[in-house]
C-alpha atoms as a PDB file:
ATOM      1  CA  UNK A   1     146.862 221.874   1.721  1.00  0.00           C
ATOM      2  CA  UNK A   2     148.093 219.320  -0.806  1.00  0.00           C
ATOM      3  CA  UNK A   3     145.644 216.868   0.721  1.00  0.00           C
ATOM      4  CA  UNK A   4     142.735 219.081  -0.340  1.00  0.00           C
ATOM      5  CA  UNK A   5     144.203 219.450  -3.828  1.00  0.00           C
ATOM      6  CA  UNK A   6     144.448 215.662  -4.182  1.00  0.00           C
ATOM      7  CA  UNK A   7     140.833 215.213  -3.152  1.00  0.00           C
ATOM      8  CA  UNK A   8     139.751 217.912  -5.629  1.00  0.00           C
ATOM      9  CA  UNK A   9     141.657 216.223  -8.451  1.00  0.00           C
ATOM     10  CA  UNK A  10     140.130 212.916  -7.467  1.00  0.00           C
ATOM     11  CA  UNK A  11     136.647 214.442  -7.775  1.00  0.00           C
ATOM     12  CA  UNK A  12     137.541 215.941 -11.149  1.00  0.00           C
ATOM     13  CA  UNK A  13     138.794 212.592 -12.426  1.00  0.00           C
ATOM     14  CA  UNK A  14     135.594 210.883 -11.233  1.00  0.00           C
ATOM     15  CA  UNK A  15     133.583 213.534 -13.082  1.00  0.00           C
ATOM     16  CA  UNK A  16     135.557 212.953 -16.282  1.00  0.00           C
ATOM     17  CA  UNK A  17     135.365 209.174 -16.002  1.00  0.00           C
ATOM     18  CA  UNK A  18     131.550 209.427 -15.901  1.00  0.00           C
ATOM     19  CA  UNK A  19     131.717 211.527 -19.081  1.00  0.00           C
ATOM     20  CA  UNK A  20     133.579 208.989 -21.243  1.00  0.00           C
ATOM     21  CA  UNK A  21     131.716 208.404 -24.551  1.00  0.00           C
ATOM     22  CA  UNK A  22     129.475 211.424 -23.987  1.00  0.00           C
ATOM     23  CA  UNK A  23     129.516 214.861 -25.574  1.00  0.00           C
ATOM     24  CA  UNK A  24     131.535 217.500 -23.744  1.00  0.00           C
ATOM     25  CA  UNK A  25     132.213 221.177 -24.333  1.00  0.00           C
ATOM     26  CA  UNK A  26     135.765 222.389 -23.708  1.00  0.00           C
ATOM     27  CA  UNK A  27     136.663 226.042 -23.204  1.00  0.00           C
ATOM     28  CA  UNK A  28     140.259 226.864 -24.210  1.00  0.00           C
ATOM     29  CA  UNK A  29     142.632 229.655 -23.163  1.00  0.00           C
ATOM     30  CA  UNK A  30     142.535 231.219 -26.649  1.00  0.00           C
ATOM     31  CA  UNK A  31     138.758 231.715 -26.331  1.00  0.00           C
ATOM     32  CA  UNK A  32     137.808 228.737 -28.521  1.00  0.00           C
ATOM     33  CA  UNK A  33     135.039 226.331 -27.596  1.00  0.00           C
ATOM     34  CA  UNK A  34     135.419 222.726 -28.770  1.00  0.00           C
ATOM     35  CA  UNK A  35     132.637 220.134 -28.650  1.00  0.00           C
ATOM     36  CA  UNK A  36     133.179 216.407 -29.119  1.00  0.00           C
ATOM     37  CA  UNK A  37     132.813 212.926 -27.690  1.00  0.00           C
ATOM     38  CA  UNK A  38     135.269 212.344 -24.837  1.00  0.00           C
ATOM     39  CA  UNK A  39     137.214 209.159 -25.568  1.00  0.00           C
ATOM     40  CA  UNK A  40     140.123 209.469 -23.167  1.00  0.00           C
ATOM     41  CA  UNK A  41     141.940 211.795 -20.744  1.00  0.00           C
ATOM     42  CA  UNK A  42     144.905 211.764 -18.389  1.00  0.00           C
ATOM     43  CA  UNK A  43     146.011 213.435 -15.151  1.00  0.00           C
ATOM     44  CA  UNK A  44     147.220 216.494 -17.097  1.00  0.00           C
ATOM     45  CA  UNK A  45     143.725 216.996 -18.602  1.00  0.00           C
ATOM     46  CA  UNK A  46     144.997 216.054 -22.047  1.00  0.00           C
ATOM     47  CA  UNK A  47     141.761 215.104 -23.801  1.00  0.00           C
ATOM     48  CA  UNK A  48     141.052 212.934 -26.819  1.00  0.00           C
ATOM     49  CA  UNK A  49     137.782 213.865 -28.538  1.00  0.00           C
ATOM     50  CA  UNK A  50     136.028 212.174 -31.439  1.00  0.00           C
ATOM     51  CA  UNK A  51     134.011 214.136 -34.010  1.00  0.00           C
ATOM     52  CA  UNK A  52     135.387 217.417 -32.668  1.00  0.00           C
ATOM     53  CA  UNK A  53     133.989 220.714 -33.845  1.00  0.00           C
ATOM     54  CA  UNK A  54     134.746 224.327 -32.973  1.00  0.00           C
ATOM     55  CA  UNK A  55     131.786 226.387 -31.806  1.00  0.00           C
ATOM     56  CA  UNK A  56     131.952 230.048 -32.860  1.00  0.00           C
ATOM     57  CA  UNK A  57     129.439 232.631 -31.680  1.00  0.00           C
ATOM     58  CA  UNK A  58     128.570 235.236 -34.284  1.00  0.00           C
ATOM     59  CA  UNK A  59     125.967 238.028 -34.267  1.00  0.00           C
ATOM     60  CA  UNK A  60     123.711 235.609 -36.190  1.00  0.00           C
ATOM     61  CA  UNK A  61     124.093 232.923 -33.513  1.00  0.00           C
ATOM     62  CA  UNK A  62     126.440 230.025 -32.845  1.00  0.00           C
ATOM     63  CA  UNK A  63     127.948 228.105 -35.765  1.00  0.00           C
ATOM     64  CA  UNK A  64     130.140 225.028 -35.776  1.00  0.00           C
ATOM     65  CA  UNK A  65     132.897 223.807 -38.029  1.00  0.00           C
ATOM     66  CA  UNK A  66     134.331 220.296 -38.065  1.00  0.00           C
ATOM     67  CA  UNK A  67     137.916 220.038 -36.774  1.00  0.00           C
ATOM     68  CA  UNK A  68     138.589 216.338 -37.154  1.00  0.00           C
ATOM     69  CA  UNK A  69     137.480 212.790 -36.568  1.00  0.00           C
ATOM     70  CA  UNK A  70     139.813 212.443 -33.541  1.00  0.00           C
ATOM     71  CA  UNK A  71     141.737 215.286 -31.895  1.00  0.00           C
ATOM     72  CA  UNK A  72     144.039 215.715 -28.930  1.00  0.00           C
ATOM     73  CA  UNK A  73     143.615 218.807 -26.774  1.00  0.00           C
ATOM     74  CA  UNK A  74     146.585 219.557 -24.524  1.00  0.00           C
ATOM     75  CA  UNK A  75     145.553 219.952 -20.913  1.00  0.00           C
ATOM     76  CA  UNK A  76     147.488 223.171 -20.389  1.00  0.00           C
ATOM     77  CA  UNK A  77     145.115 224.873 -22.870  1.00  0.00           C
ATOM     78  CA  UNK A  78     141.923 223.825 -21.036  1.00  0.00           C
ATOM     79  CA  UNK A  79     140.043 226.356 -18.919  1.00  0.00           C
ATOM     80  CA  UNK A  80     136.767 224.489 -18.365  1.00  0.00           C
ATOM     81  CA  UNK A  81     134.968 221.288 -19.321  1.00  0.00           C
ATOM     82  CA  UNK A  82     131.206 220.872 -19.211  1.00  0.00           C
ATOM     83  CA  UNK A  83     128.864 218.017 -20.023  1.00  0.00           C
ATOM     84  CA  UNK A  84     125.177 217.853 -20.736  1.00  0.00           C
ATOM     85  CA  UNK A  85     124.824 215.162 -18.064  1.00  0.00           C
ATOM     86  CA  UNK A  86     125.861 216.416 -14.645  1.00  0.00           C
ATOM     87  CA  UNK A  87     125.554 213.923 -11.824  1.00  0.00           C
ATOM     88  CA  UNK A  88     125.803 214.867  -8.191  1.00  0.00           C
ATOM     89  CA  UNK A  89     128.139 212.754  -6.094  1.00  0.00           C
ATOM     90  CA  UNK A  90     126.618 210.781  -3.237  1.00  0.00           C
ATOM     91  CA  UNK A  91     127.198 212.466   0.107  1.00  0.00           C
ATOM     92  CA  UNK A  92     129.144 210.420   2.620  1.00  0.00           C
END
């Protein structure tokens, strides 16, 4: 069972490594959505984002507000990460 978990984490890390220096959208446990340029990450999904902004959905549509030039998001707050550029892995 742990073998499967390791292979899943490996796939997740490959996905993140392909997303360095690209825009990502991070969904947090508190319901916030943060968008920014992924600069770095670690095995705990701690993320460093440049030009981070919070995306808030209102009845008038989504709005964004700048958070900071560089921010650290703790991995234990992350629910999901998405990128605009999704690449399928080559099948073996």
